[in-house]
Amino acid sequence: MTEQTIAKRVLADRIAERQQLNQGQTLQVIQCFLDELVDELGRGNRLEFRDFGVFELVSRKPRTALNPKTLEKVPVLRRTVVKFRAGRLVKGKVRELTVDASRKAVLPTKQDDA
C-alpha cells in the first residue's frame, strides 16, 4: 500500500473530467464546500454526511503532560478539537485496503518461487 498526498486541485480536476465541468468552477465549488464546513464547525455545529462520516467538536479536559526529553511536568489547557468518525462507505474502503495488504503479505512473490 503506497501512500500519496492528493491535492485539492487534483480532486477538482478528476471531478471536472468525470462530470464534464469546467475545472476552475469545480475548484471554486470544492473550496466553497470546505469554507462552509469550516464555518459550521466554527459555530459549534456537528456535520453529518450519511455513509461518509461525521465531523464534530470534542472538548478535551485540561491535564498534566510529561515532556519526554526533560521529564518535566507541563500543564495542557482545556481545548476543543475536531473529531471525524468514519461512516459505512469509508470504513468499507479502509477494510478493503487492510485485506489487500494482508493478502500481499501472505502470498508468495515470483522471486520466492525461484
Protein backbone atom coordinates (compact mmCIF):
# COMPACT_ATOMS: atom_id res chain seq x y z
CA MET A 1 0.00 0.00 0.00
CA THR A 2 1.65 3.21 -1.16
CA GLU A 3 0.50 6.39 0.48
CA GLN A 4 0.21 9.51 -1.65
CA THR A 5 -0.79 13.06 -0.86
CA ILE A 6 -3.58 14.22 -3.14
CA ALA A 7 -4.07 17.97 -3.51
CA LYS A 8 -7.42 19.74 -3.77
CA ARG A 9 -6.64 20.68 -7.38
CA VAL A 10 -6.14 17.02 -8.33
CA LEU A 11 -9.56 16.14 -6.90
CA ALA A 12 -11.10 19.12 -8.68
CA ASP A 13 -9.55 18.01 -11.98
CA ARG A 14 -10.87 14.45 -11.53
CA ILE A 15 -14.38 15.65 -10.67
CA ALA A 16 -14.42 18.15 -13.53
CA GLU A 17 -13.41 15.46 -16.00
CA ARG A 18 -15.87 12.89 -14.66
CA GLN A 19 -18.78 15.36 -14.64
CA GLN A 20 -17.66 17.19 -17.80
CA LEU A 21 -17.45 20.51 -15.97
CA ASN A 22 -15.10 23.48 -16.04
CA GLN A 23 -12.05 22.82 -13.83
CA GLY A 24 -11.99 26.34 -12.38
CA GLN A 25 -15.64 26.27 -11.40
CA THR A 26 -15.26 22.81 -9.90
CA LEU A 27 -12.36 24.05 -7.78
CA GLN A 28 -14.50 27.00 -6.63
CA VAL A 29 -17.34 24.67 -5.60
CA ILE A 30 -14.96 22.46 -3.63
CA GLN A 31 -13.44 25.50 -1.92
CA CYS A 32 -16.92 26.85 -1.12
CA PHE A 33 -17.87 23.47 0.39
CA LEU A 34 -14.73 23.43 2.55
CA ASP A 35 -15.34 27.04 3.65
CA GLU A 36 -18.89 26.13 4.71
CA LEU A 37 -17.61 23.08 6.59
CA VAL A 38 -15.11 25.23 8.50
CA ASP A 39 -17.75 27.93 9.18
CA GLU A 40 -20.23 25.40 10.58
CA LEU A 41 -17.58 23.80 12.80
CA GLY A 42 -16.62 27.32 13.91
CA ARG A 43 -20.23 27.83 15.02
CA GLY A 44 -20.01 24.65 17.08
CA ASN A 45 -22.23 22.62 14.78
CA ARG A 46 -21.96 18.91 14.04
CA LEU A 47 -21.81 17.93 10.35
CA GLU A 48 -23.18 14.58 9.24
CA PHE A 49 -22.73 13.16 5.76
CA ARG A 50 -24.67 9.89 5.54
CA ASP A 51 -22.47 6.86 4.80
CA PHE A 52 -19.37 9.11 4.63
CA GLY A 53 -18.91 10.25 8.23
CA VAL A 54 -19.46 12.82 10.93
CA PHE A 55 -17.41 15.88 11.88
CA GLU A 56 -17.97 17.06 15.43
CA LEU A 57 -16.28 19.15 18.10
CA VAL A 58 -14.94 17.44 21.20
CA SER A 59 -13.78 19.24 24.32
CA ARG A 60 -10.58 17.83 25.84
CA LYS A 61 -10.12 18.26 29.59
CA PRO A 62 -7.11 20.10 30.99
CA ARG A 63 -4.34 17.73 32.06
CA THR A 64 -0.73 17.50 33.08
CA ALA A 65 1.59 16.05 30.44
CA LEU A 66 5.20 14.93 30.69
CA ASN A 67 7.95 16.38 28.50
CA PRO A 68 9.73 13.24 27.24
CA LYS A 69 13.14 14.95 26.99
CA THR A 70 13.28 16.66 30.37
CA LEU A 71 10.64 14.60 32.20
CA GLU A 72 9.25 17.93 33.37
CA LYS A 73 5.51 18.14 34.08
CA VAL A 74 3.76 20.52 31.70
CA PRO A 75 0.18 21.81 32.06
CA VAL A 76 -2.02 21.32 28.98
CA LEU A 77 -5.03 23.63 28.88
CA ARG A 78 -8.60 22.62 28.04
CA ARG A 79 -9.11 22.68 24.28
CA THR A 80 -11.66 21.88 21.62
CA VAL A 81 -10.68 19.66 18.70
CA VAL A 82 -12.42 18.38 15.57
CA LYS A 83 -13.21 14.68 15.58
CA PHE A 84 -14.09 12.71 12.46
CA ARG A 85 -15.98 9.44 12.73
CA ALA A 86 -15.89 7.42 9.52
CA GLY A 87 -19.15 6.26 8.03
CA ARG A 88 -20.06 2.96 6.37
CA LEU A 89 -18.53 3.68 2.93
CA VAL A 90 -15.22 4.98 4.34
CA LYS A 91 -14.94 2.06 6.76
CA GLY A 92 -15.58 -0.37 3.92
CA LYS A 93 -12.82 1.11 1.73
CA VAL A 94 -10.34 1.07 4.63
CA ARG A 95 -11.27 -2.55 5.37
CA GLU A 96 -10.57 -3.42 1.71
CA LEU A 97 -7.13 -1.81 1.99
CA THR A 98 -6.39 -3.83 5.11
CA VAL A 99 -7.49 -7.09 3.47
CA ASP A 100 -5.47 -6.35 0.30
CA ALA A 101 -2.36 -5.53 2.33
CA SER A 102 -2.65 -8.72 4.40
CA ARG A 103 -3.11 -10.83 1.24
CA LYS A 104 0.05 -9.36 -0.30
CA ALA A 105 1.96 -10.16 2.87
CA VAL A 106 0.81 -13.82 2.78
CA LEU A 107 1.02 -14.56 -0.95
CA PRO A 108 4.47 -15.61 -2.22
CA THR A 109 6.05 -13.43 -4.88
CA LYS A 110 7.59 -14.77 -8.08
CA GLN A 111 11.05 -14.25 -6.54
CA ASP A 112 10.10 -16.56 -3.67
CA ASP A 113 9.21 -19.36 -6.12
CA ALA A 114 12.68 -19.41 -7.73
